[in-house]
Amino acid sequence: MGIDAIAMVPFDAVIRAATTADAASIAAIYRPFVTEGAISFEIEAPDTEAIASRIEKTIAGHPWLVAEDDSGEVIGYAYGTTFRSREAYRFTAETAIYLAPTARGTGMADRLGRALHADLRERGFHTAVAVITLPNPPSVTYHERLGYRAAGTLPEVGRKFDRWHDIGLWTLDLSVDA
């Protein structure tokens, strides 16, 4: 990424709670992750209405945050969701973060991740889990920089683009302040 792309994203970008009004921007950021690779195991990119529905369902118990630049454009988002449905997992959240191309390499991912973790802590969550399609060195490096630790690999659990994909699980102890 060139310096011009980095200069486009100010370090004073705002991180705030997402609303359904952000759904079109979020869908646009997410679409290439679905259609161009196996980072997401979704096969069809969700449209604006599907993303709006996900936001509504998620914010009832978990955070969904967006980062916007000084022009008000959403340049990234992060959220926590239910890790598993059984009651004993209620203090664990699965996390995800996605950035627009112009926000990559600017430090925005770290800011969004830290804000997400702070919100999860405030809500009483104990553990964050990241599920990463492997191989994905940038995502692994990012999560480990924020304190996640490798917890295991599940081989060939996802099939996309006529190929089997492994996932890795990384966990973060939210009881330890970052």
N, C-alpha and C. Protein backbone atom coordinates (compact mmCIF):
# COMPACT_ATOMS: atom_id res chain seq x y z
N MET A 1 0.85 -1.17 0.00
CA MET A 1 0.00 0.00 0.00
C MET A 1 0.89 1.23 0.00
N GLY A 2 0.59 2.17 -0.85
CA GLY A 2 1.40 3.37 -0.96
C GLY A 2 1.05 4.39 0.10
N ILE A 3 1.90 5.39 0.22
CA ILE A 3 1.70 6.42 1.23
C ILE A 3 0.41 7.20 0.99
N ASP A 4 -0.01 7.36 -0.27
CA ASP A 4 -1.26 8.07 -0.54
C ASP A 4 -2.45 7.37 0.09
N ALA A 5 -2.48 6.05 0.04
CA ALA A 5 -3.59 5.29 0.64
C ALA A 5 -3.58 5.45 2.15
N ILE A 6 -2.40 5.43 2.74
CA ILE A 6 -2.30 5.58 4.20
C ILE A 6 -2.75 6.98 4.60
N ALA A 7 -2.36 7.98 3.83
CA ALA A 7 -2.72 9.35 4.17
C ALA A 7 -4.22 9.60 4.10
N MET A 8 -4.95 8.75 3.40
CA MET A 8 -6.38 8.94 3.25
C MET A 8 -7.14 8.65 4.54
N VAL A 9 -6.55 7.92 5.47
CA VAL A 9 -7.25 7.55 6.69
C VAL A 9 -6.59 8.26 7.87
N PRO A 10 -7.27 9.25 8.44
CA PRO A 10 -6.68 9.96 9.56
C PRO A 10 -6.67 9.09 10.82
N PHE A 11 -5.69 9.29 11.64
CA PHE A 11 -5.61 8.52 12.88
C PHE A 11 -6.66 8.97 13.89
N ASP A 12 -7.33 10.08 13.62
CA ASP A 12 -8.40 10.52 14.50
C ASP A 12 -9.77 10.05 14.01
N ALA A 13 -9.79 9.03 13.16
CA ALA A 13 -11.06 8.47 12.70
C ALA A 13 -11.91 8.09 13.91
N VAL A 14 -13.20 8.20 13.75
CA VAL A 14 -14.15 7.94 14.83
C VAL A 14 -14.54 6.47 14.86
N ILE A 15 -14.54 5.89 16.04
CA ILE A 15 -15.07 4.54 16.24
C ILE A 15 -16.34 4.69 17.06
N ARG A 16 -17.42 4.13 16.56
CA ARG A 16 -18.72 4.29 17.22
C ARG A 16 -19.54 3.01 17.04
N ALA A 17 -20.65 2.94 17.78
CA ALA A 17 -21.56 1.81 17.64
C ALA A 17 -22.20 1.85 16.26
N ALA A 18 -22.30 0.69 15.64
CA ALA A 18 -22.94 0.58 14.33
C ALA A 18 -24.45 0.69 14.49
N THR A 19 -25.08 1.16 13.43
CA THR A 19 -26.54 1.17 13.34
C THR A 19 -26.92 0.52 12.00
N THR A 20 -28.18 0.26 11.83
CA THR A 20 -28.62 -0.33 10.56
C THR A 20 -28.38 0.62 9.39
N ALA A 21 -28.23 1.92 9.66
CA ALA A 21 -27.92 2.87 8.59
C ALA A 21 -26.53 2.62 7.99
N ASP A 22 -25.68 1.88 8.70
CA ASP A 22 -24.33 1.55 8.22
C ASP A 22 -24.31 0.30 7.35
N ALA A 23 -25.44 -0.36 7.21
CA ALA A 23 -25.47 -1.68 6.57
C ALA A 23 -24.95 -1.68 5.14
N ALA A 24 -25.28 -0.70 4.34
CA ALA A 24 -24.81 -0.68 2.95
C ALA A 24 -23.29 -0.55 2.89
N SER A 25 -22.71 0.31 3.72
CA SER A 25 -21.25 0.46 3.75
C SER A 25 -20.57 -0.82 4.23
N ILE A 26 -21.15 -1.44 5.24
CA ILE A 26 -20.58 -2.68 5.77
C ILE A 26 -20.66 -3.78 4.71
N ALA A 27 -21.80 -3.88 4.04
CA ALA A 27 -21.95 -4.90 2.99
C ALA A 27 -20.90 -4.71 1.88
N ALA A 28 -20.64 -3.46 1.53
CA ALA A 28 -19.64 -3.17 0.49
C ALA A 28 -18.23 -3.56 0.93
N ILE A 29 -17.91 -3.31 2.19
CA ILE A 29 -16.58 -3.69 2.71
C ILE A 29 -16.46 -5.21 2.74
N TYR A 30 -17.51 -5.89 3.17
CA TYR A 30 -17.47 -7.34 3.37
C TYR A 30 -17.50 -8.13 2.06
N ARG A 31 -18.20 -7.62 1.05
CA ARG A 31 -18.42 -8.35 -0.20
C ARG A 31 -17.15 -9.01 -0.76
N PRO A 32 -16.03 -8.30 -0.92
CA PRO A 32 -14.84 -8.96 -1.50
C PRO A 32 -14.28 -10.10 -0.64
N PHE A 33 -14.50 -10.03 0.66
CA PHE A 33 -14.02 -11.10 1.53
C PHE A 33 -14.80 -12.40 1.28
N VAL A 34 -16.04 -12.24 0.81
CA VAL A 34 -16.86 -13.40 0.49
C VAL A 34 -16.59 -13.89 -0.93
N THR A 35 -16.53 -12.95 -1.87
CA THR A 35 -16.50 -13.32 -3.28
C THR A 35 -15.10 -13.62 -3.84
N GLU A 36 -14.07 -13.10 -3.19
CA GLU A 36 -12.73 -13.22 -3.75
C GLU A 36 -11.80 -14.17 -3.02
N GLY A 37 -12.26 -14.80 -1.97
CA GLY A 37 -11.38 -15.70 -1.25
C GLY A 37 -12.14 -16.48 -0.20
N ALA A 38 -11.39 -17.22 0.60
CA ALA A 38 -11.99 -18.09 1.61
C ALA A 38 -11.84 -17.54 3.02
N ILE A 39 -11.50 -16.26 3.15
CA ILE A 39 -11.41 -15.68 4.49
C ILE A 39 -12.75 -15.83 5.20
N SER A 40 -13.83 -15.59 4.47
CA SER A 40 -15.17 -15.84 4.98
C SER A 40 -15.67 -17.13 4.34
N PHE A 41 -16.35 -17.94 5.10
CA PHE A 41 -16.92 -19.17 4.56
C PHE A 41 -18.31 -18.97 3.98
N GLU A 42 -18.81 -17.74 3.98
CA GLU A 42 -20.07 -17.50 3.30
C GLU A 42 -19.85 -17.70 1.81
N ILE A 43 -20.84 -18.20 1.13
CA ILE A 43 -20.74 -18.46 -0.30
C ILE A 43 -21.30 -17.29 -1.10
N GLU A 44 -22.38 -16.70 -0.63
CA GLU A 44 -23.00 -15.54 -1.27
C GLU A 44 -22.84 -14.35 -0.34
N ALA A 45 -22.43 -13.21 -0.89
CA ALA A 45 -22.28 -12.00 -0.10
C ALA A 45 -23.64 -11.49 0.35
N PRO A 46 -23.81 -11.21 1.63
CA PRO A 46 -25.10 -10.70 2.10
C PRO A 46 -25.35 -9.28 1.59
N ASP A 47 -26.61 -8.99 1.32
CA ASP A 47 -26.96 -7.66 0.85
C ASP A 47 -27.19 -6.72 2.04
N THR A 48 -27.54 -5.49 1.73
CA THR A 48 -27.73 -4.48 2.77
C THR A 48 -28.77 -4.91 3.80
N GLU A 49 -29.87 -5.47 3.34
CA GLU A 49 -30.94 -5.88 4.26
C GLU A 49 -30.47 -6.99 5.20
N ALA A 50 -29.70 -7.93 4.67
CA ALA A 50 -29.19 -9.02 5.51
C ALA A 50 -28.22 -8.48 6.56
N ILE A 51 -27.36 -7.55 6.17
CA ILE A 51 -26.43 -6.96 7.12
C ILE A 51 -27.19 -6.16 8.18
N ALA A 52 -28.20 -5.41 7.77
CA ALA A 52 -29.01 -4.65 8.74
C ALA A 52 -29.64 -5.58 9.75
N SER A 53 -30.16 -6.71 9.29
CA SER A 53 -30.76 -7.69 10.19
C SER A 53 -29.71 -8.25 11.16
N ARG A 54 -28.52 -8.53 10.66
CA ARG A 54 -27.45 -9.04 11.53
C ARG A 54 -27.08 -8.01 12.59
N ILE A 55 -27.00 -6.76 12.21
CA ILE A 55 -26.68 -5.70 13.17
C ILE A 55 -27.74 -5.66 14.26
N GLU A 56 -29.02 -5.65 13.86
CA GLU A 56 -30.11 -5.60 14.84
C GLU A 56 -30.05 -6.76 15.81
N LYS A 57 -29.81 -7.96 15.30
CA LYS A 57 -29.75 -9.15 16.16
C LYS A 57 -28.52 -9.13 17.06
N THR A 58 -27.40 -8.66 16.54
CA THR A 58 -26.15 -8.68 17.29
C THR A 58 -26.15 -7.68 18.42
N ILE A 59 -26.59 -6.45 18.17
CA ILE A 59 -26.45 -5.40 19.18
C ILE A 59 -27.36 -5.61 20.39
N ALA A 60 -28.23 -6.59 20.34
CA ALA A 60 -29.04 -6.91 21.51
C ALA A 60 -28.17 -7.44 22.65
N GLY A 61 -27.04 -8.06 22.34
CA GLY A 61 -26.21 -8.62 23.41
C GLY A 61 -24.71 -8.50 23.20
N HIS A 62 -24.30 -8.04 22.03
CA HIS A 62 -22.88 -7.95 21.69
C HIS A 62 -22.60 -6.64 20.97
N PRO A 63 -21.35 -6.20 21.00
CA PRO A 63 -21.02 -4.96 20.29
C PRO A 63 -20.85 -5.16 18.79
N TRP A 64 -21.19 -4.14 18.05
CA TRP A 64 -20.87 -4.03 16.62
C TRP A 64 -20.42 -2.59 16.43
N LEU A 65 -19.18 -2.41 16.07
CA LEU A 65 -18.58 -1.09 15.95
C LEU A 65 -18.20 -0.79 14.51
N VAL A 66 -18.20 0.49 14.16
CA VAL A 66 -17.70 0.92 12.86
C VAL A 66 -16.65 2.01 13.09
N ALA A 67 -15.73 2.10 12.16
CA ALA A 67 -14.77 3.20 12.11
C ALA A 67 -15.14 4.03 10.90
N GLU A 68 -15.19 5.35 11.10
CA GLU A 68 -15.48 6.21 9.96
C GLU A 68 -14.43 7.31 9.88
N ASP A 69 -14.11 7.69 8.66
CA ASP A 69 -13.12 8.74 8.46
C ASP A 69 -13.75 10.10 8.67
N ASP A 70 -12.97 11.15 8.51
CA ASP A 70 -13.48 12.49 8.81
C ASP A 70 -14.56 12.97 7.84
N SER A 71 -14.75 12.25 6.73
CA SER A 71 -15.85 12.60 5.82
C SER A 71 -17.12 11.82 6.15
N GLY A 72 -17.04 10.95 7.17
CA GLY A 72 -18.20 10.16 7.57
C GLY A 72 -18.31 8.82 6.86
N GLU A 73 -17.32 8.47 6.03
CA GLU A 73 -17.34 7.19 5.32
C GLU A 73 -16.91 6.06 6.26
N VAL A 74 -17.69 4.99 6.27
CA VAL A 74 -17.32 3.81 7.07
C VAL A 74 -16.15 3.12 6.38
N ILE A 75 -15.05 2.95 7.12
CA ILE A 75 -13.83 2.37 6.56
C ILE A 75 -13.47 1.03 7.20
N GLY A 76 -14.28 0.60 8.17
CA GLY A 76 -14.04 -0.69 8.80
C GLY A 76 -15.10 -0.97 9.84
N TYR A 77 -15.13 -2.23 10.26
CA TYR A 77 -16.08 -2.60 11.31
C TYR A 77 -15.57 -3.82 12.05
N ALA A 78 -16.06 -3.97 13.27
CA ALA A 78 -15.71 -5.12 14.11
C ALA A 78 -16.92 -5.46 14.96
N TYR A 79 -17.07 -6.73 15.25
CA TYR A 79 -18.20 -7.12 16.09
C TYR A 79 -17.87 -8.38 16.86
N GLY A 80 -18.66 -8.59 17.90
CA GLY A 80 -18.63 -9.84 18.66
C GLY A 80 -19.98 -10.51 18.51
N THR A 81 -19.97 -11.82 18.46
CA THR A 81 -21.22 -12.57 18.37
C THR A 81 -21.18 -13.75 19.33
N THR A 82 -22.30 -14.42 19.43
CA THR A 82 -22.39 -15.62 20.25
C THR A 82 -21.40 -16.66 19.73
N PHE A 83 -20.57 -17.18 20.62
CA PHE A 83 -19.61 -18.20 20.21
C PHE A 83 -20.31 -19.52 19.95
N ARG A 84 -21.08 -19.98 20.88
CA ARG A 84 -21.89 -21.18 20.74
C ARG A 84 -23.16 -20.94 21.52
N SER A 85 -24.19 -21.70 21.24
CA SER A 85 -25.51 -21.38 21.79
C SER A 85 -25.75 -21.89 23.21
N ARG A 86 -24.99 -22.82 23.70
CA ARG A 86 -25.26 -23.36 25.05
C ARG A 86 -24.91 -22.34 26.12
N GLU A 87 -25.67 -22.34 27.17
CA GLU A 87 -25.58 -21.32 28.23
C GLU A 87 -24.18 -21.18 28.84
N ALA A 88 -23.45 -22.25 28.97
CA ALA A 88 -22.12 -22.18 29.58
C ALA A 88 -21.15 -21.33 28.77
N TYR A 89 -21.44 -21.10 27.49
CA TYR A 89 -20.57 -20.28 26.64
C TYR A 89 -20.92 -18.78 26.70
N ARG A 90 -21.85 -18.38 27.54
CA ARG A 90 -22.39 -17.02 27.50
C ARG A 90 -21.36 -15.93 27.78
N PHE A 91 -20.20 -16.27 28.34
CA PHE A 91 -19.17 -15.27 28.62
C PHE A 91 -18.05 -15.28 27.57
N THR A 92 -18.30 -15.99 26.48
CA THR A 92 -17.33 -16.07 25.38
C THR A 92 -17.98 -15.48 24.13
N ALA A 93 -17.21 -14.68 23.41
CA ALA A 93 -17.71 -14.06 22.17
C ALA A 93 -16.76 -14.37 21.04
N GLU A 94 -17.32 -14.68 19.87
CA GLU A 94 -16.51 -14.81 18.66
C GLU A 94 -16.38 -13.41 18.07
N THR A 95 -15.19 -13.06 17.62
CA THR A 95 -14.94 -11.72 17.11
C THR A 95 -14.60 -11.73 15.63
N ALA A 96 -14.86 -10.61 14.98
CA ALA A 96 -14.52 -10.45 13.56
C ALA A 96 -14.22 -8.98 13.31
N ILE A 97 -13.34 -8.74 12.34
CA ILE A 97 -13.00 -7.38 11.95
C ILE A 97 -12.71 -7.36 10.45
N TYR A 98 -13.20 -6.33 9.79
CA TYR A 98 -12.98 -6.17 8.35
C TYR A 98 -12.72 -4.70 8.06
N LEU A 99 -11.78 -4.44 7.17
CA LEU A 99 -11.42 -3.08 6.79
C LEU A 99 -11.55 -2.86 5.30
N ALA A 100 -11.92 -1.64 4.92
CA ALA A 100 -11.85 -1.23 3.53
C ALA A 100 -10.39 -1.17 3.12
N PRO A 101 -10.08 -1.35 1.85
CA PRO A 101 -8.68 -1.32 1.41
C PRO A 101 -7.92 -0.07 1.83
N THR A 102 -8.59 1.08 1.83
CA THR A 102 -7.89 2.32 2.19
C THR A 102 -7.52 2.40 3.66
N ALA A 103 -8.13 1.56 4.50
CA ALA A 103 -7.84 1.60 5.94
C ALA A 103 -6.77 0.60 6.35
N ARG A 104 -6.40 -0.28 5.47
CA ARG A 104 -5.40 -1.30 5.81
C ARG A 104 -4.02 -0.66 5.92
N GLY A 105 -3.28 -1.10 6.94
CA GLY A 105 -1.93 -0.59 7.14
C GLY A 105 -1.87 0.75 7.84
N THR A 106 -2.98 1.20 8.40
CA THR A 106 -3.03 2.52 9.04
C THR A 106 -3.07 2.45 10.56
N GLY A 107 -3.20 1.24 11.13
CA GLY A 107 -3.40 1.11 12.56
C GLY A 107 -4.86 1.04 12.96
N MET A 108 -5.74 1.20 11.98
CA MET A 108 -7.18 1.19 12.28
C MET A 108 -7.64 -0.16 12.81
N ALA A 109 -7.09 -1.24 12.32
CA ALA A 109 -7.49 -2.57 12.81
C ALA A 109 -7.19 -2.70 14.30
N ASP A 110 -6.02 -2.23 14.72
CA ASP A 110 -5.67 -2.29 16.14
C ASP A 110 -6.64 -1.45 16.97
N ARG A 111 -6.94 -0.25 16.48
CA ARG A 111 -7.87 0.62 17.22
C ARG A 111 -9.25 -0.01 17.32
N LEU A 112 -9.74 -0.55 16.22
CA LEU A 112 -11.05 -1.21 16.24
C LEU A 112 -11.04 -2.43 17.17
N GLY A 113 -10.00 -3.23 17.07
CA GLY A 113 -9.91 -4.42 17.92
C GLY A 113 -9.88 -4.07 19.40
N ARG A 114 -9.08 -3.08 19.75
CA ARG A 114 -9.01 -2.68 21.17
C ARG A 114 -10.35 -2.12 21.66
N ALA A 115 -11.02 -1.35 20.80
CA ALA A 115 -12.33 -0.82 21.17
C ALA A 115 -13.34 -1.96 21.35
N LEU A 116 -13.29 -2.93 20.46
CA LEU A 116 -14.18 -4.09 20.57
C LEU A 116 -13.92 -4.84 21.87
N HIS A 117 -12.66 -5.08 22.18
CA HIS A 117 -12.32 -5.81 23.41
C HIS A 117 -12.75 -5.05 24.65
N ALA A 118 -12.59 -3.73 24.65
CA ALA A 118 -13.04 -2.92 25.78
C ALA A 118 -14.55 -3.03 25.96
N ASP A 119 -15.28 -2.98 24.87
CA ASP A 119 -16.73 -3.10 24.93
C ASP A 119 -17.14 -4.48 25.45
N LEU A 120 -16.48 -5.52 24.95
CA LEU A 120 -16.78 -6.87 25.44
C LEU A 120 -16.52 -6.98 26.94
N ARG A 121 -15.39 -6.42 27.41
CA ARG A 121 -15.09 -6.44 28.84
C ARG A 121 -16.19 -5.75 29.64
N GLU A 122 -16.62 -4.57 29.17
CA GLU A 122 -17.66 -3.82 29.87
C GLU A 122 -18.96 -4.62 29.95
N ARG A 123 -19.20 -5.46 28.99
CA ARG A 123 -20.41 -6.28 28.98
C ARG A 123 -20.25 -7.57 29.78
N GLY A 124 -19.08 -7.80 30.34
CA GLY A 124 -18.87 -8.97 31.18
C GLY A 124 -18.36 -10.21 30.48
N PHE A 125 -17.90 -10.08 29.25
CA PHE A 125 -17.35 -11.24 28.55
C PHE A 125 -15.97 -11.56 29.09
N HIS A 126 -15.63 -12.82 29.11
CA HIS A 126 -14.36 -13.30 29.66
C HIS A 126 -13.36 -13.69 28.58
N THR A 127 -13.84 -14.26 27.48
CA THR A 127 -12.96 -14.77 26.43
C THR A 127 -13.46 -14.33 25.07
N ALA A 128 -12.51 -13.94 24.22
CA ALA A 128 -12.81 -13.65 22.82
C ALA A 128 -12.18 -14.75 21.98
N VAL A 129 -12.88 -15.20 20.96
CA VAL A 129 -12.39 -16.25 20.07
C VAL A 129 -12.36 -15.71 18.65
N ALA A 130 -11.23 -15.86 18.00
CA ALA A 130 -11.11 -15.53 16.58
C ALA A 130 -11.01 -16.83 15.80
N VAL A 131 -11.79 -16.95 14.76
CA VAL A 131 -11.76 -18.12 13.88
C VAL A 131 -11.15 -17.65 12.56
N ILE A 132 -9.97 -18.19 12.23
CA ILE A 132 -9.21 -17.70 11.08
C ILE A 132 -9.04 -18.82 10.06
N THR A 133 -9.46 -18.55 8.82
CA THR A 133 -9.21 -19.48 7.74
C THR A 133 -7.70 -19.51 7.49
N LEU A 134 -7.16 -20.72 7.38
CA LEU A 134 -5.71 -20.88 7.21
C LEU A 134 -5.37 -21.32 5.80
N PRO A 135 -4.25 -20.87 5.28
CA PRO A 135 -3.30 -19.94 5.91
C PRO A 135 -3.78 -18.50 5.73
N ASN A 136 -3.44 -17.68 6.70
CA ASN A 136 -3.76 -16.25 6.65
C ASN A 136 -2.78 -15.51 7.57
N PRO A 137 -1.51 -15.43 7.18
CA PRO A 137 -0.50 -14.80 8.04
C PRO A 137 -0.86 -13.38 8.51
N PRO A 138 -1.44 -12.51 7.67
CA PRO A 138 -1.77 -11.16 8.18
C PRO A 138 -2.77 -11.20 9.34
N SER A 139 -3.79 -12.05 9.25
CA SER A 139 -4.78 -12.13 10.32
C SER A 139 -4.16 -12.73 11.58
N VAL A 140 -3.34 -13.76 11.42
CA VAL A 140 -2.68 -14.36 12.58
C VAL A 140 -1.79 -13.33 13.28
N THR A 141 -1.00 -12.60 12.49
CA THR A 141 -0.12 -11.58 13.05
C THR A 141 -0.92 -10.51 13.79
N TYR A 142 -1.99 -10.06 13.18
CA TYR A 142 -2.86 -9.05 13.80
C TYR A 142 -3.40 -9.54 15.14
N HIS A 143 -4.00 -10.72 15.14
CA HIS A 143 -4.61 -11.22 16.38
C HIS A 143 -3.56 -11.44 17.47
N GLU A 144 -2.42 -11.98 17.11
CA GLU A 144 -1.38 -12.21 18.11
C GLU A 144 -0.83 -10.88 18.63
N ARG A 145 -0.77 -9.86 17.80
CA ARG A 145 -0.33 -8.55 18.26
C ARG A 145 -1.28 -8.00 19.32
N LEU A 146 -2.57 -8.33 19.21
CA LEU A 146 -3.55 -7.87 20.19
C LEU A 146 -3.66 -8.80 21.40
N GLY A 147 -2.85 -9.85 21.44
CA GLY A 147 -2.83 -10.71 22.61
C GLY A 147 -3.50 -12.05 22.48
N TYR A 148 -4.07 -12.35 21.33
CA TYR A 148 -4.69 -13.66 21.11
C TYR A 148 -3.59 -14.73 21.09
N ARG A 149 -3.95 -15.92 21.52
CA ARG A 149 -3.03 -17.06 21.50
C ARG A 149 -3.66 -18.21 20.72
N ALA A 150 -2.83 -18.89 19.94
CA ALA A 150 -3.31 -20.03 19.16
C ALA A 150 -3.87 -21.10 20.10
N ALA A 151 -5.05 -21.61 19.74
CA ALA A 151 -5.69 -22.62 20.58
C ALA A 151 -5.92 -23.94 19.84
N GLY A 152 -5.69 -23.97 18.54
CA GLY A 152 -5.85 -25.21 17.81
C GLY A 152 -6.29 -25.00 16.37
N THR A 153 -6.19 -26.08 15.62
CA THR A 153 -6.56 -26.06 14.21
C THR A 153 -7.58 -27.16 13.96
N LEU A 154 -8.59 -26.83 13.17
CA LEU A 154 -9.57 -27.81 12.72
C LEU A 154 -9.33 -28.01 11.23
N PRO A 155 -8.83 -29.17 10.84
CA PRO A 155 -8.49 -29.38 9.43
C PRO A 155 -9.72 -29.64 8.55
N GLU A 156 -9.69 -29.02 7.38
CA GLU A 156 -10.67 -29.26 6.32
C GLU A 156 -12.11 -29.22 6.79
N VAL A 157 -12.47 -28.15 7.50
CA VAL A 157 -13.84 -28.03 7.98
C VAL A 157 -14.72 -27.15 7.11
N GLY A 158 -14.11 -26.44 6.16
CA GLY A 158 -14.88 -25.59 5.26
C GLY A 158 -14.54 -25.88 3.82
N ARG A 159 -15.54 -25.88 2.97
CA ARG A 159 -15.31 -26.12 1.55
C ARG A 159 -15.82 -24.93 0.77
N LYS A 160 -14.91 -24.29 0.05
CA LYS A 160 -15.26 -23.13 -0.75
C LYS A 160 -14.34 -23.09 -1.95
N PHE A 161 -14.88 -22.70 -3.09
CA PHE A 161 -14.13 -22.64 -4.35
C PHE A 161 -13.49 -24.00 -4.67
N ASP A 162 -14.27 -25.06 -4.45
CA ASP A 162 -13.85 -26.44 -4.77
C ASP A 162 -12.58 -26.87 -4.04
N ARG A 163 -12.41 -26.37 -2.84
CA ARG A 163 -11.22 -26.69 -2.07
C ARG A 163 -11.57 -26.75 -0.59
N TRP A 164 -10.93 -27.66 0.14
CA TRP A 164 -11.10 -27.76 1.58
C TRP A 164 -10.20 -26.74 2.26
N HIS A 165 -10.69 -26.16 3.36
CA HIS A 165 -9.94 -25.15 4.10
C HIS A 165 -9.93 -25.49 5.59
N ASP A 166 -8.77 -25.27 6.19
CA ASP A 166 -8.62 -25.41 7.63
C ASP A 166 -9.00 -24.09 8.30
N ILE A 167 -9.36 -24.19 9.57
CA ILE A 167 -9.50 -22.99 10.38
C ILE A 167 -8.62 -23.13 11.61
N GLY A 168 -8.16 -22.00 12.09
CA GLY A 168 -7.44 -21.95 13.35
C GLY A 168 -8.27 -21.18 14.36
N LEU A 169 -8.16 -21.57 15.60
CA LEU A 169 -8.86 -20.88 16.68
C LEU A 169 -7.82 -20.14 17.51
N TRP A 170 -8.08 -18.88 17.77
CA TRP A 170 -7.23 -18.06 18.62
C TRP A 170 -8.11 -17.50 19.73
N THR A 171 -7.59 -17.45 20.96
CA THR A 171 -8.37 -16.95 22.08
C THR A 171 -7.65 -15.79 22.77
N LEU A 172 -8.47 -14.92 23.34
CA LEU A 172 -7.97 -13.78 24.10
C LEU A 172 -8.66 -13.76 25.44
N ASP A 173 -7.88 -13.72 26.51
CA ASP A 173 -8.41 -13.61 27.87
C ASP A 173 -8.78 -12.15 28.10
N LEU A 174 -10.05 -11.85 28.13
CA LEU A 174 -10.51 -10.47 28.30
C LEU A 174 -10.41 -9.98 29.74
N SER A 175 -10.14 -10.89 30.68
CA SER A 175 -9.99 -10.46 32.07
C SER A 175 -8.65 -9.77 32.30
N VAL A 176 -7.75 -9.89 31.32
CA VAL A 176 -6.45 -9.22 31.38
C VAL A 176 -6.58 -7.95 30.55
N ASP A 177 -6.40 -6.81 31.18
CA ASP A 177 -6.51 -5.53 30.46
C ASP A 177 -5.39 -5.39 29.45
N ALA A 178 -5.74 -5.00 28.24
CA ALA A 178 -4.75 -4.85 27.17
C ALA A 178 -3.89 -3.62 27.35
